[in-house]
PDB file of all heavy atoms in Angstrom:
ATOM      1  N   LEU A   1       0.867  -1.154   0.016  1.00  0.00           N
ATOM      2  CA  LEU A   1      -0.002  -0.033   0.043  1.00  0.00           C
ATOM      3  C   LEU A   1       0.857   1.257  -0.003  1.00  0.00           C
ATOM      4  O   LEU A   1       1.929   1.289   0.499  1.00  0.00           O
ATOM      5  CB  LEU A   1      -0.871  -0.029   1.303  1.00  0.00           C
ATOM      6  CG  LEU A   1      -1.857  -1.196   1.402  1.00  0.00           C
ATOM      7  CD1 LEU A   1      -2.637  -0.976   2.675  1.00  0.00           C
ATOM      8  CD2 LEU A   1      -2.651  -1.467   0.277  1.00  0.00           C
ATOM      9  N   PRO A   2       0.361   2.366  -0.449  1.00  0.00           N
ATOM     10  CA  PRO A   2       1.157   3.684  -0.555  1.00  0.00           C
ATOM     11  C   PRO A   2       1.405   3.985   1.007  1.00  0.00           C
ATOM     12  O   PRO A   2       0.552   3.682   1.891  1.00  0.00           O
ATOM     13  CB  PRO A   2       0.190   4.593  -1.084  1.00  0.00           C
ATOM     14  CG  PRO A   2      -0.663   3.862  -2.045  1.00  0.00           C
ATOM     15  CD  PRO A   2      -0.831   2.491  -1.326  1.00  0.00           C
ATOM     16  N   VAL A   3       2.469   4.711   1.239  1.00  0.00           N
ATOM     17  CA  VAL A   3       2.758   5.088   2.625  1.00  0.00           C
ATOM     18  C   VAL A   3       1.802   5.817   3.378  1.00  0.00           C
ATOM     19  O   VAL A   3       1.446   5.566   4.484  1.00  0.00           O
ATOM     20  CB  VAL A   3       4.235   5.871   2.540  1.00  0.00           C
ATOM     21  CG1 VAL A   3       4.467   6.466   3.944  1.00  0.00           C
ATOM     22  CG2 VAL A   3       5.374   5.010   2.122  1.00  0.00           C
ATOM     23  N   PRO A   4       1.026   6.895   2.750  1.00  0.00           N
ATOM     24  CA  PRO A   4       0.027   7.534   3.508  1.00  0.00           C
ATOM     25  C   PRO A   4      -1.121   6.733   3.904  1.00  0.00           C
ATOM     26  O   PRO A   4      -1.715   6.836   5.014  1.00  0.00           O
ATOM     27  CB  PRO A   4      -0.425   8.608   2.445  1.00  0.00           C
ATOM     28  CG  PRO A   4       0.606   8.826   1.492  1.00  0.00           C
ATOM     29  CD  PRO A   4       1.358   7.491   1.394  1.00  0.00           C
ATOM     30  N   VAL A   5      -1.436   5.663   3.014  1.00  0.00           N
ATOM     31  CA  VAL A   5      -2.486   4.739   3.391  1.00  0.00           C
ATOM     32  C   VAL A   5      -2.109   3.806   4.553  1.00  0.00           C
ATOM     33  O   VAL A   5      -2.771   3.514   5.463  1.00  0.00           O
ATOM     34  CB  VAL A   5      -2.928   3.904   2.172  1.00  0.00           C
ATOM     35  CG1 VAL A   5      -4.032   2.925   2.540  1.00  0.00           C
ATOM     36  CG2 VAL A   5      -3.412   4.777   0.940  1.00  0.00           C
ATOM     37  N   GLN A   6      -0.831   3.357   4.456  1.00  0.00           N
ATOM     38  CA  GLN A   6      -0.313   2.578   5.633  1.00  0.00           C
ATOM     39  C   GLN A   6      -0.367   3.299   6.907  1.00  0.00           C
ATOM     40  O   GLN A   6      -0.887   2.876   7.934  1.00  0.00           O
ATOM     41  CB  GLN A   6       1.228   2.179   5.371  1.00  0.00           C
ATOM     42  CG  GLN A   6       1.393   1.197   4.228  1.00  0.00           C
ATOM     43  CD  GLN A   6       2.816   0.773   4.039  1.00  0.00           C
ATOM     44  OE1 GLN A   6       3.506   0.750   5.080  1.00  0.00           O
ATOM     45  NE2 GLN A   6       3.266   0.541   2.832  1.00  0.00           N
ATOM     46  N   LYS A   7       0.048   4.570   6.932  1.00  0.00           N
ATOM     47  CA  LYS A   7       0.139   5.457   8.078  1.00  0.00           C
ATOM     48  C   LYS A   7      -1.473   5.566   8.631  1.00  0.00           C
ATOM     49  O   LYS A   7      -1.562   5.587   9.827  1.00  0.00           O
ATOM     50  CB  LYS A   7       0.710   6.715   7.743  1.00  0.00           C
ATOM     51  CG  LYS A   7       0.818   7.680   9.040  1.00  0.00           C
ATOM     52  CD  LYS A   7       1.679   8.918   8.664  1.00  0.00           C
ATOM     53  CE  LYS A   7       1.871   9.738   9.869  1.00  0.00           C
ATOM     54  NZ  LYS A   7       2.672  10.987   9.444  1.00  0.00           N
ATOM     55  N   TYR A   8      -2.329   5.812   7.644  1.00  0.00           N
ATOM     56  CA  TYR A   8      -3.751   5.958   8.076  1.00  0.00           C
ATOM     57  C   TYR A   8      -4.317   4.682   8.721  1.00  0.00           C
ATOM     58  O   TYR A   8      -5.036   4.786   9.828  1.00  0.00           O
ATOM     59  CB  TYR A   8      -4.546   6.269   6.765  1.00  0.00           C
ATOM     60  CG  TYR A   8      -5.999   6.372   6.883  1.00  0.00           C
ATOM     61  CD1 TYR A   8      -6.629   7.196   7.872  1.00  0.00           C
ATOM     62  CD2 TYR A   8      -6.868   5.803   6.058  1.00  0.00           C
ATOM     63  CE1 TYR A   8      -7.955   7.343   7.950  1.00  0.00           C
ATOM     64  CE2 TYR A   8      -8.269   5.911   6.063  1.00  0.00           C
ATOM     65  CZ  TYR A   8      -8.745   6.652   7.082  1.00  0.00           C
ATOM     66  OH  TYR A   8     -10.133   6.773   7.177  1.00  0.00           O
ATOM     67  N   ILE A   9      -3.986   3.511   8.196  1.00  0.00           N
ATOM     68  CA  ILE A   9      -4.449   2.301   8.833  1.00  0.00           C
ATOM     69  C   ILE A   9      -3.985   2.120  10.207  1.00  0.00           C
ATOM     70  O   ILE A   9      -4.608   1.732  11.099  1.00  0.00           O
ATOM     71  CB  ILE A   9      -4.214   1.134   7.862  1.00  0.00           C
ATOM     72  CG1 ILE A   9      -4.950   1.217   6.606  1.00  0.00           C
ATOM     73  CG2 ILE A   9      -4.497  -0.226   8.692  1.00  0.00           C
ATOM     74  CD1 ILE A   9      -4.516   0.137   5.622  1.00  0.00           C
ATOM     75  N   ARG A  10      -2.630   2.470  10.437  1.00  0.00           N
ATOM     76  CA  ARG A  10      -2.064   2.332  11.685  1.00  0.00           C
ATOM     77  C   ARG A  10      -2.695   3.349  12.633  1.00  0.00           C
ATOM     78  O   ARG A  10      -2.979   3.019  13.880  1.00  0.00           O
ATOM     79  CB  ARG A  10      -0.529   2.562  11.690  1.00  0.00           C
ATOM     80  CG  ARG A  10       0.222   1.561  10.898  1.00  0.00           C
ATOM     81  CD  ARG A  10       1.713   1.784  11.011  1.00  0.00           C
ATOM     82  NE  ARG A  10       2.416   0.895  10.017  1.00  0.00           N
ATOM     83  CZ  ARG A  10       2.931   1.439   8.934  1.00  0.00           C
ATOM     84  NH1 ARG A  10       2.878   2.708   8.621  1.00  0.00           N
ATOM     85  NH2 ARG A  10       3.637   0.657   8.083  1.00  0.00           N
ATOM     86  N   TYR A  11      -2.891   4.556  12.210  1.00  0.00           N
ATOM     87  CA  TYR A  11      -3.404   5.688  13.013  1.00  0.00           C
ATOM     88  C   TYR A  11      -4.781   5.312  13.492  1.00  0.00           C
ATOM     89  O   TYR A  11      -5.147   5.606  14.705  1.00  0.00           O
ATOM     90  CB  TYR A  11      -3.424   6.946  12.157  1.00  0.00           C
ATOM     91  CG  TYR A  11      -4.024   8.098  12.916  1.00  0.00           C
ATOM     92  CD1 TYR A  11      -3.266   8.839  13.810  1.00  0.00           C
ATOM     93  CD2 TYR A  11      -5.353   8.536  12.688  1.00  0.00           C
ATOM     94  CE1 TYR A  11      -3.784   9.965  14.465  1.00  0.00           C
ATOM     95  CE2 TYR A  11      -5.879   9.613  13.309  1.00  0.00           C
ATOM     96  CZ  TYR A  11      -5.052  10.362  14.219  1.00  0.00           C
ATOM     97  OH  TYR A  11      -5.616  11.400  14.941  1.00  0.00           O
ATOM     98  N   THR A  12      -5.583   4.735  12.731  1.00  0.00           N
ATOM     99  CA  THR A  12      -7.040   4.451  13.117  1.00  0.00           C
ATOM    100  C   THR A  12      -7.159   3.197  13.897  1.00  0.00           C
ATOM    101  O   THR A  12      -8.250   2.878  14.457  1.00  0.00           O
ATOM    102  CB  THR A  12      -7.884   4.174  11.820  1.00  0.00           C
ATOM    103  OG1 THR A  12      -7.152   3.367  10.823  1.00  0.00           O
ATOM    104  CG2 THR A  12      -8.036   5.591  11.077  1.00  0.00           C
ATOM    105  N   GLY A  13      -6.001   2.393  14.053  1.00  0.00           N
ATOM    106  CA  GLY A  13      -6.005   1.275  15.019  1.00  0.00           C
ATOM    107  C   GLY A  13      -6.486  -0.078  14.470  1.00  0.00           C
ATOM    108  O   GLY A  13      -7.049  -0.896  15.345  1.00  0.00           O
ATOM    109  N   PHE A  14      -6.344  -0.378  13.226  1.00  0.00           N
ATOM    110  CA  PHE A  14      -6.757  -1.703  12.707  1.00  0.00           C
ATOM    111  C   PHE A  14      -5.763  -2.784  12.727  1.00  0.00           C
ATOM    112  O   PHE A  14      -6.065  -3.922  12.546  1.00  0.00           O
ATOM    113  CB  PHE A  14      -7.334  -1.466  11.250  1.00  0.00           C
ATOM    114  CG  PHE A  14      -8.624  -0.912  11.249  1.00  0.00           C
ATOM    115  CD1 PHE A  14      -8.854   0.513  11.279  1.00  0.00           C
ATOM    116  CD2 PHE A  14      -9.799  -1.645  11.067  1.00  0.00           C
ATOM    117  CE1 PHE A  14     -10.063   1.100  11.259  1.00  0.00           C
ATOM    118  CE2 PHE A  14     -11.058  -1.094  10.964  1.00  0.00           C
ATOM    119  CZ  PHE A  14     -11.241   0.323  11.113  1.00  0.00           C
ATOM    120  N   ILE A  15      -4.456  -2.418  12.933  1.00  0.00           N
ATOM    121  CA  ILE A  15      -3.486  -3.413  12.984  1.00  0.00           C
ATOM    122  C   ILE A  15      -3.589  -4.314  14.290  1.00  0.00           C
ATOM    123  O   ILE A  15      -3.826  -3.789  15.362  1.00  0.00           O
ATOM    124  CB  ILE A  15      -2.068  -2.855  13.022  1.00  0.00           C
ATOM    125  CG1 ILE A  15      -1.834  -1.978  11.736  1.00  0.00           C
ATOM    126  CG2 ILE A  15      -0.994  -3.816  13.156  1.00  0.00           C
ATOM    127  CD1 ILE A  15      -1.705  -2.826  10.513  1.00  0.00           C
ATOM    128  N   GLY A  16      -3.520  -5.632  14.029  1.00  0.00           N
ATOM    129  CA  GLY A  16      -3.712  -6.533  15.167  1.00  0.00           C
ATOM    130  C   GLY A  16      -5.203  -6.835  15.445  1.00  0.00           C
ATOM    131  O   GLY A  16      -5.412  -7.601  16.468  1.00  0.00           O
ATOM    132  N   LYS A  17      -6.036  -6.339  14.663  1.00  0.00           N
ATOM    133  CA  LYS A  17      -7.506  -6.621  14.894  1.00  0.00           C
ATOM    134  C   LYS A  17      -8.064  -7.465  13.754  1.00  0.00           C
ATOM    135  O   LYS A  17      -7.436  -7.393  12.591  1.00  0.00           O
ATOM    136  CB  LYS A  17      -8.232  -5.322  15.048  1.00  0.00           C
ATOM    137  CG  LYS A  17      -7.803  -4.643  16.375  1.00  0.00           C
ATOM    138  CD  LYS A  17      -8.571  -3.299  16.524  1.00  0.00           C
ATOM    139  CE  LYS A  17      -8.122  -2.673  17.818  1.00  0.00           C
ATOM    140  NZ  LYS A  17      -8.663  -1.348  18.023  1.00  0.00           N
ATOM    141  N   PRO A  18      -9.252  -8.073  13.893  1.00  0.00           N
ATOM    142  CA  PRO A  18      -9.683  -8.887  12.739  1.00  0.00           C
ATOM    143  C   PRO A  18      -9.998  -8.171  11.468  1.00  0.00           C
ATOM    144  O   PRO A  18     -10.363  -6.957  11.433  1.00  0.00           O
ATOM    145  CB  PRO A  18     -11.062  -9.389  13.370  1.00  0.00           C
ATOM    146  CG  PRO A  18     -10.857  -9.440  14.804  1.00  0.00           C
ATOM    147  CD  PRO A  18     -10.031  -8.185  15.092  1.00  0.00           C
ATOM    148  N   VAL A  19      -9.689  -8.780  10.357  1.00  0.00           N
ATOM    149  CA  VAL A  19      -9.897  -8.293   8.998  1.00  0.00           C
ATOM    150  C   VAL A  19     -11.420  -7.971   8.867  1.00  0.00           C
ATOM    151  O   VAL A  19     -12.310  -8.872   9.310  1.00  0.00           O
ATOM    152  CB  VAL A  19      -9.463  -9.198   7.912  1.00  0.00           C
ATOM    153  CG1 VAL A  19      -9.963  -8.672   6.517  1.00  0.00           C
ATOM    154  CG2 VAL A  19      -7.939  -9.303   8.032  1.00  0.00           C
ATOM    155  N   VAL A  20     -11.884  -6.837   8.413  1.00  0.00           N
ATOM    156  CA  VAL A  20     -13.304  -6.495   8.202  1.00  0.00           C
ATOM    157  C   VAL A  20     -14.007  -7.348   7.253  1.00  0.00           C
ATOM    158  O   VAL A  20     -13.614  -7.199   6.050  1.00  0.00           O
ATOM    159  CB  VAL A  20     -13.354  -4.941   7.995  1.00  0.00           C
ATOM    160  CG1 VAL A  20     -14.914  -4.557   7.846  1.00  0.00           C
ATOM    161  CG2 VAL A  20     -12.669  -4.135   9.018  1.00  0.00           C
ATOM    162  N   ARG A  21     -15.028  -7.926   7.640  1.00  0.00           N
ATOM    163  CA  ARG A  21     -15.903  -8.677   6.722  1.00  0.00           C
ATOM    164  C   ARG A  21     -17.203  -7.859   6.490  1.00  0.00           C
ATOM    165  O   ARG A  21     -17.792  -7.949   5.414  1.00  0.00           O
ATOM    166  CB  ARG A  21     -16.276 -10.058   7.244  1.00  0.00           C
ATOM    167  CG  ARG A  21     -15.137 -11.078   7.557  1.00  0.00           C
ATOM    168  CD  ARG A  21     -15.715 -12.411   7.877  1.00  0.00           C
ATOM    169  NE  ARG A  21     -16.879 -12.392   8.692  1.00  0.00           N
ATOM    170  CZ  ARG A  21     -16.726 -12.375  10.139  1.00  0.00           C
ATOM    171  NH1 ARG A  21     -15.564 -12.380  10.692  1.00  0.00           N
ATOM    172  NH2 ARG A  21     -17.820 -12.441  10.833  1.00  0.00           N
ATOM    173  N   ASN A  22     -17.671  -7.224   7.479  1.00  0.00           N
ATOM    174  CA  ASN A  22     -18.872  -6.384   7.443  1.00  0.00           C
ATOM    175  C   ASN A  22     -18.851  -5.352   8.506  1.00  0.00           C
ATOM    176  O   ASN A  22     -17.923  -5.436   9.467  1.00  0.00           O
ATOM    177  CB  ASN A  22     -20.127  -7.220   7.519  1.00  0.00           C
ATOM    178  CG  ASN A  22     -20.358  -7.871   8.941  1.00  0.00           C
ATOM    179  OD1 ASN A  22     -20.319  -7.129   9.994  1.00  0.00           O
ATOM    180  ND2 ASN A  22     -20.526  -9.118   8.981  1.00  0.00           N
ATOM    181  N   PHE A  23     -19.666  -4.321   8.520  1.00  0.00           N
ATOM    182  CA  PHE A  23     -19.704  -3.357   9.477  1.00  0.00           C
ATOM    183  C   PHE A  23     -21.144  -2.716   9.536  1.00  0.00           C
ATOM    184  O   PHE A  23     -21.784  -2.589   8.504  1.00  0.00           O
ATOM    185  CB  PHE A  23     -18.571  -2.312   9.512  1.00  0.00           C
ATOM    186  CG  PHE A  23     -18.536  -1.576   8.187  1.00  0.00           C
ATOM    187  CD1 PHE A  23     -19.149  -0.272   8.030  1.00  0.00           C
ATOM    188  CD2 PHE A  23     -17.796  -2.051   7.218  1.00  0.00           C
ATOM    189  CE1 PHE A  23     -19.036   0.354   6.860  1.00  0.00           C
ATOM    190  CE2 PHE A  23     -17.559  -1.346   6.057  1.00  0.00           C
ATOM    191  CZ  PHE A  23     -18.156  -0.128   5.874  1.00  0.00           C
ATOM    192  N   ARG A  24     -21.526  -2.323  10.792  1.00  0.00           N
ATOM    193  CA  ARG A  24     -22.736  -1.664  11.013  1.00  0.00           C
ATOM    194  C   ARG A  24     -22.477  -0.307  11.488  1.00  0.00           C
ATOM    195  O   ARG A  24     -21.593  -0.151  12.393  1.00  0.00           O
ATOM    196  CB  ARG A  24     -23.697  -2.479  12.007  1.00  0.00           C
ATOM    197  CG  ARG A  24     -24.941  -1.713  12.390  1.00  0.00           C
ATOM    198  CD  ARG A  24     -25.724  -2.458  13.540  1.00  0.00           C
ATOM    199  NE  ARG A  24     -26.817  -1.760  13.940  1.00  0.00           N
ATOM    200  CZ  ARG A  24     -26.849  -0.948  15.067  1.00  0.00           C
ATOM    201  NH1 ARG A  24     -25.734  -0.812  15.776  1.00  0.00           N
ATOM    202  NH2 ARG A  24     -28.006  -0.354  15.506  1.00  0.00           N
ATOM    203  N   VAL A  25     -23.019   0.771  11.010  1.00  0.00           N
ATOM    204  CA  VAL A  25     -22.799   2.168  11.344  1.00  0.00           C
ATOM    205  C   VAL A  25     -24.159   2.898  11.663  1.00  0.00           C
ATOM    206  O   VAL A  25     -25.142   2.662  10.957  1.00  0.00           O
ATOM    207  CB  VAL A  25     -22.111   2.798  10.198  1.00  0.00           C
ATOM    208  CG1 VAL A  25     -21.689   4.215  10.605  1.00  0.00           C
ATOM    209  CG2 VAL A  25     -20.831   2.159   9.776  1.00  0.00           C
ATOM    210  N   VAL A  26     -24.028   3.755  12.752  1.00  0.00           N
ATOM    211  CA  VAL A  26     -25.184   4.620  13.094  1.00  0.00           C
ATOM    212  C   VAL A  26     -24.687   6.027  13.053  1.00  0.00           C
ATOM    213  O   VAL A  26     -23.632   6.402  13.609  1.00  0.00           O
ATOM    214  CB  VAL A  26     -25.701   4.201  14.501  1.00  0.00           C
ATOM    215  CG1 VAL A  26     -26.814   5.174  14.880  1.00  0.00           C
ATOM    216  CG2 VAL A  26     -26.196   2.814  14.636  1.00  0.00           C
ATOM    217  N   PHE A  27     -25.492   6.858  12.338  1.00  0.00           N
ATOM    218  CA  PHE A  27     -25.302   8.254  12.302  1.00  0.00           C
ATOM    219  C   PHE A  27     -26.411   9.212  12.717  1.00  0.00           C
ATOM    220  O   PHE A  27     -27.503   8.684  12.779  1.00  0.00           O
ATOM    221  CB  PHE A  27     -25.021   8.682  10.718  1.00  0.00           C
ATOM    222  CG  PHE A  27     -23.831   8.274  10.063  1.00  0.00           C
ATOM    223  CD1 PHE A  27     -23.827   7.143   9.135  1.00  0.00           C
ATOM    224  CD2 PHE A  27     -22.621   8.856  10.342  1.00  0.00           C
ATOM    225  CE1 PHE A  27     -22.688   6.818   8.505  1.00  0.00           C
ATOM    226  CE2 PHE A  27     -21.436   8.463   9.698  1.00  0.00           C
ATOM    227  CZ  PHE A  27     -21.504   7.443   8.845  1.00  0.00           C
ATOM    228  N   GLU A  28     -26.094  10.394  13.149  1.00  0.00           N
ATOM    229  CA  GLU A  28     -26.977  11.415  13.290  1.00  0.00           C
ATOM    230  C   GLU A  28     -26.597  12.570  12.463  1.00  0.00           C
ATOM    231  O   GLU A  28     -25.375  12.660  12.152  1.00  0.00           O
ATOM    232  CB  GLU A  28     -27.175  11.805  14.771  1.00  0.00           C
ATOM    233  CG  GLU A  28     -27.675  10.786  15.674  1.00  0.00           C
ATOM    234  CD  GLU A  28     -27.861  11.290  17.136  1.00  0.00           C
ATOM    235  OE1 GLU A  28     -27.433  12.488  17.372  1.00  0.00           O
ATOM    236  OE2 GLU A  28     -28.383  10.550  17.862  1.00  0.00           O
ATOM    237  N   GLY A  29     -27.508  13.395  12.048  1.00  0.00           N
ATOM    238  CA  GLY A  29     -27.117  14.614  11.251  1.00  0.00           C
ATOM    239  C   GLY A  29     -28.227  15.240  10.623  1.00  0.00           C
ATOM    240  O   GLY A  29     -29.381  15.348  11.102  1.00  0.00           O
ATOM    241  N   LYS A  30     -27.947  15.833   9.348  1.00  0.00           N
ATOM    242  CA  LYS A  30     -29.006  16.521   8.679  1.00  0.00           C
ATOM    243  C   LYS A  30     -28.761  16.477   7.176  1.00  0.00           C
ATOM    244  O   LYS A  30     -27.607  16.263   6.742  1.00  0.00           O
ATOM    245  CB  LYS A  30     -29.060  17.951   9.172  1.00  0.00           C
ATOM    246  CG  LYS A  30     -27.783  18.781   8.921  1.00  0.00           C
ATOM    247  CD  LYS A  30     -27.960  20.202   9.474  1.00  0.00           C
ATOM    248  CE  LYS A  30     -26.610  20.978   9.387  1.00  0.00           C
ATOM    249  NZ  LYS A  30     -26.735  22.423   9.895  1.00  0.00           N
ATOM    250  N   ILE A  31     -29.861  16.601   6.395  1.00  0.00           N
ATOM    251  CA  ILE A  31     -29.715  16.438   4.968  1.00  0.00           C
ATOM    252  C   ILE A  31     -30.714  17.335   4.296  1.00  0.00           C
ATOM    253  O   ILE A  31     -31.802  17.721   4.937  1.00  0.00           O
ATOM    254  CB  ILE A  31     -29.996  14.883   4.533  1.00  0.00           C
ATOM    255  CG1 ILE A  31     -29.623  14.619   3.178  1.00  0.00           C
ATOM    256  CG2 ILE A  31     -31.531  14.569   4.753  1.00  0.00           C
ATOM    257  CD1 ILE A  31     -29.494  13.089   2.856  1.00  0.00           C
ATOM    258  N   ARG A  32     -30.477  17.760   2.948  1.00  0.00           N
ATOM    259  CA  ARG A  32     -31.371  18.554   2.314  1.00  0.00           C
ATOM    260  C   ARG A  32     -31.226  18.184   0.804  1.00  0.00           C
ATOM    261  O   ARG A  32     -30.162  17.618   0.383  1.00  0.00           O
ATOM    262  CB  ARG A  32     -31.016  20.039   2.488  1.00  0.00           C
ATOM    263  CG  ARG A  32     -29.617  20.491   2.081  1.00  0.00           C
ATOM    264  CD  ARG A  32     -29.508  21.968   2.412  1.00  0.00           C
ATOM    265  NE  ARG A  32     -28.043  22.321   2.052  1.00  0.00           N
ATOM    266  CZ  ARG A  32     -27.544  23.501   2.221  1.00  0.00           C
ATOM    267  NH1 ARG A  32     -28.414  24.484   2.753  1.00  0.00           N
ATOM    268  NH2 ARG A  32     -26.339  23.812   2.001  1.00  0.00           N
ATOM    269  N   LYS A  33     -32.276  18.566  -0.027  1.00  0.00           N
ATOM    270  CA  LYS A  33     -32.140  18.249  -1.483  1.00  0.00           C
ATOM    271  C   LYS A  33     -31.170  19.203  -2.087  1.00  0.00           C
ATOM    272  O   LYS A  33     -30.427  18.678  -3.040  1.00  0.00           O
ATOM    273  CB  LYS A  33     -33.594  18.525  -1.997  1.00  0.00           C
ATOM    274  CG  LYS A  33     -33.731  18.109  -3.467  1.00  0.00           C
ATOM    275  CD  LYS A  33     -35.119  18.205  -3.958  1.00  0.00           C
ATOM    276  CE  LYS A  33     -35.237  17.903  -5.403  1.00  0.00           C
ATOM    277  NZ  LYS A  33     -36.612  17.988  -5.872  1.00  0.00           N
ATOM    278  N   ASN A  34     -31.069  20.449  -1.887  1.00  0.00           N
ATOM    279  CA  ASN A  34     -30.196  21.444  -2.445  1.00  0.00           C
ATOM    280  C   ASN A  34     -30.101  22.586  -1.562  1.00  0.00           C
ATOM    281  O   ASN A  34     -30.695  22.667  -0.523  1.00  0.00           O
ATOM    282  CB  ASN A  34     -30.691  21.811  -3.909  1.00  0.00           C
ATOM    283  CG  ASN A  34     -32.189  22.285  -3.876  1.00  0.00           C
ATOM    284  OD1 ASN A  34     -32.570  23.068  -3.006  1.00  0.00           O
ATOM    285  ND2 ASN A  34     -32.947  21.832  -4.874  1.00  0.00           N
ATOM    286  N   GLU A  35     -29.383  23.591  -2.063  1.00  0.00           N
ATOM    287  CA  GLU A  35     -29.091  24.927  -1.278  1.00  0.00           C
ATOM    288  C   GLU A  35     -30.319  25.645  -0.870  1.00  0.00           C
ATOM    289  O   GLU A  35     -30.437  26.322   0.032  1.00  0.00           O
ATOM    290  CB  GLU A  35     -28.094  25.682  -2.005  1.00  0.00           C
ATOM    291  CG  GLU A  35     -26.762  25.056  -2.135  1.00  0.00           C
ATOM    292  CD  GLU A  35     -25.686  25.628  -1.236  1.00  0.00           C
ATOM    293  OE1 GLU A  35     -25.794  26.796  -0.920  1.00  0.00           O
ATOM    294  OE2 GLU A  35     -24.666  24.922  -0.943  1.00  0.00           O
ATOM    295  N   GLN A  36     -31.424  25.512  -1.686  1.00  0.00           N
ATOM    296  CA  GLN A  36     -32.645  26.234  -1.532  1.00  0.00           C
ATOM    297  C   GLN A  36     -33.601  25.508  -0.507  1.00  0.00           C
ATOM    298  O   GLN A  36     -34.545  26.145  -0.168  1.00  0.00           O
ATOM    299  CB  GLN A  36     -33.386  26.514  -2.908  1.00  0.00           C
ATOM    300  CG  GLN A  36     -32.696  27.481  -3.808  1.00  0.00           C
ATOM    301  CD  GLN A  36     -31.412  26.889  -4.394  1.00  0.00           C
ATOM    302  OE1 GLN A  36     -31.369  25.770  -4.887  1.00  0.00           O
ATOM    303  NE2 GLN A  36     -30.306  27.666  -4.470  1.00  0.00           N
ATOM    304  N   SER A  37     -33.239  24.315  -0.281  1.00  0.00           N
ATOM    305  CA  SER A  37     -34.150  23.489   0.621  1.00  0.00           C
ATOM    306  C   SER A  37     -33.764  23.637   2.020  1.00  0.00           C
ATOM    307  O   SER A  37     -32.593  23.719   2.296  1.00  0.00           O
ATOM    308  CB  SER A  37     -34.128  22.005   0.082  1.00  0.00           C
ATOM    309  OG  SER A  37     -34.535  21.902  -1.304  1.00  0.00           O
ATOM    310  N   PRO A  38     -34.658  23.481   2.922  1.00  0.00           N
ATOM    311  CA  PRO A  38     -34.359  23.533   4.371  1.00  0.00           C
ATOM    312  C   PRO A  38     -33.647  22.172   4.816  1.00  0.00           C
ATOM    313  O   PRO A  38     -33.938  21.173   4.241  1.00  0.00           O
ATOM    314  CB  PRO A  38     -35.764  23.688   5.051  1.00  0.00           C
ATOM    315  CG  PRO A  38     -36.765  23.101   4.065  1.00  0.00           C
ATOM    316  CD  PRO A  38     -36.162  23.367   2.781  1.00  0.00           C
ATOM    317  N   TRP A  39     -32.913  22.322   5.818  1.00  0.00           N
ATOM    318  CA  TRP A  39     -32.226  21.122   6.385  1.00  0.00           C
ATOM    319  C   TRP A  39     -33.243  20.294   7.076  1.00  0.00           C
ATOM    320  O   TRP A  39     -34.143  20.704   7.769  1.00  0.00           O
ATOM    321  CB  TRP A  39     -31.149  21.493   7.395  1.00  0.00           C
ATOM    322  CG  TRP A  39     -29.898  22.036   6.779  1.00  0.00           C
ATOM    323  CD1 TRP A  39     -29.546  23.290   6.634  1.00  0.00           C
ATOM    324  CD2 TRP A  39     -28.868  21.299   6.049  1.00  0.00           C
ATOM    325  NE1 TRP A  39     -28.314  23.475   6.004  1.00  0.00           N
ATOM    326  CE2 TRP A  39     -27.869  22.226   5.621  1.00  0.00           C
ATOM    327  CE3 TRP A  39     -28.723  19.939   5.823  1.00  0.00           C
ATOM    328  CZ2 TRP A  39     -26.700  21.786   4.944  1.00  0.00           C
ATOM    329  CZ3 TRP A  39     -27.562  19.586   5.131  1.00  0.00           C
ATOM    330  CH2 TRP A  39     -26.602  20.497   4.743  1.00  0.00           C
ATOM    331  N   MET A  40     -33.100  18.897   6.958  1.00  0.00           N
ATOM    332  CA  MET A  40     -33.916  17.923   7.583  1.00  0.00           C
ATOM    333  C   MET A  40     -33.095  17.101   8.581  1.00  0.00           C
ATOM    334  O   MET A  40     -32.150  16.486   8.211  1.00  0.00           O
ATOM    335  CB  MET A  40     -34.632  16.911   6.570  1.00  0.00           C
ATOM    336  CG  MET A  40     -35.527  17.581   5.657  1.00  0.00           C
ATOM    337  SD  MET A  40     -36.436  16.436   4.538  1.00  0.00           S
ATOM    338  CE  MET A  40     -34.939  15.668   3.706  1.00  0.00           C
ATOM    339  N   PRO A  41     -33.371  17.197   9.842  1.00  0.00           N
ATOM    340  CA  PRO A  41     -32.659  16.320  10.766  1.00  0.00           C
ATOM    341  C   PRO A  41     -32.868  14.851  10.535  1.00  0.00           C
ATOM    342  O   PRO A  41     -33.920  14.443  10.123  1.00  0.00           O
ATOM    343  CB  PRO A  41     -33.207  16.745  12.235  1.00  0.00           C
ATOM    344  CG  PRO A  41     -34.594  17.271  11.902  1.00  0.00           C
ATOM    345  CD  PRO A  41     -34.486  17.972  10.569  1.00  0.00           C
ATOM    346  N   LEU A  42     -31.900  14.089  10.679  1.00  0.00           N
ATOM    347  CA  LEU A  42     -32.048  12.529  10.458  1.00  0.00           C
ATOM    348  C   LEU A  42     -31.272  11.801  11.385  1.00  0.00           C
ATOM    349  O   LEU A  42     -30.243  12.160  12.080  1.00  0.00           O
ATOM    350  CB  LEU A  42     -31.425  12.398   9.016  1.00  0.00           C
ATOM    351  CG  LEU A  42     -29.976  12.428   8.595  1.00  0.00           C
ATOM    352  CD1 LEU A  42     -29.181  11.119   9.159  1.00  0.00           C
ATOM    353  CD2 LEU A  42     -29.674  12.746   7.190  1.00  0.00           C
ATOM    354  N   THR A  43     -31.504  10.517  11.452  1.00  0.00           N
ATOM    355  CA  THR A  43     -30.835   9.432  12.083  1.00  0.00           C
ATOM    356  C   THR A  43     -30.725   8.330  11.046  1.00  0.00           C
ATOM    357  O   THR A  43     -31.650   8.158  10.130  1.00  0.00           O
ATOM    358  CB  THR A  43     -31.513   8.922  13.431  1.00  0.00           C
ATOM    359  OG1 THR A  43     -32.801   8.481  13.084  1.00  0.00           O
ATOM    360  CG2 THR A  43     -31.547  10.016  14.437  1.00  0.00           C
ATOM    361  N   SER A  44     -29.704   7.574  10.975  1.00  0.00           N
ATOM    362  CA  SER A  44     -29.540   6.537   9.959  1.00  0.00           C
ATOM    363  C   SER A  44     -28.758   5.368  10.487  1.00  0.00           C
ATOM    364  O   SER A  44     -28.008   5.483  11.473  1.00  0.00           O
ATOM    365  CB  SER A  44     -28.823   7.087   8.721  1.00  0.00           C
ATOM    366  OG  SER A  44     -27.389   7.352   9.003  1.00  0.00           O
TER     367      SER A  44
END
């Protein structure tokens, strides 16, 4: 892998841990259709 990518993987703490097969993620935030539309709060 390129050096910056190697450094990123080490920095995030994946070395020595199981190889990723799948993952589940939960977000909070806001979304809108375009700049003229109001923001909509969301969970995902």
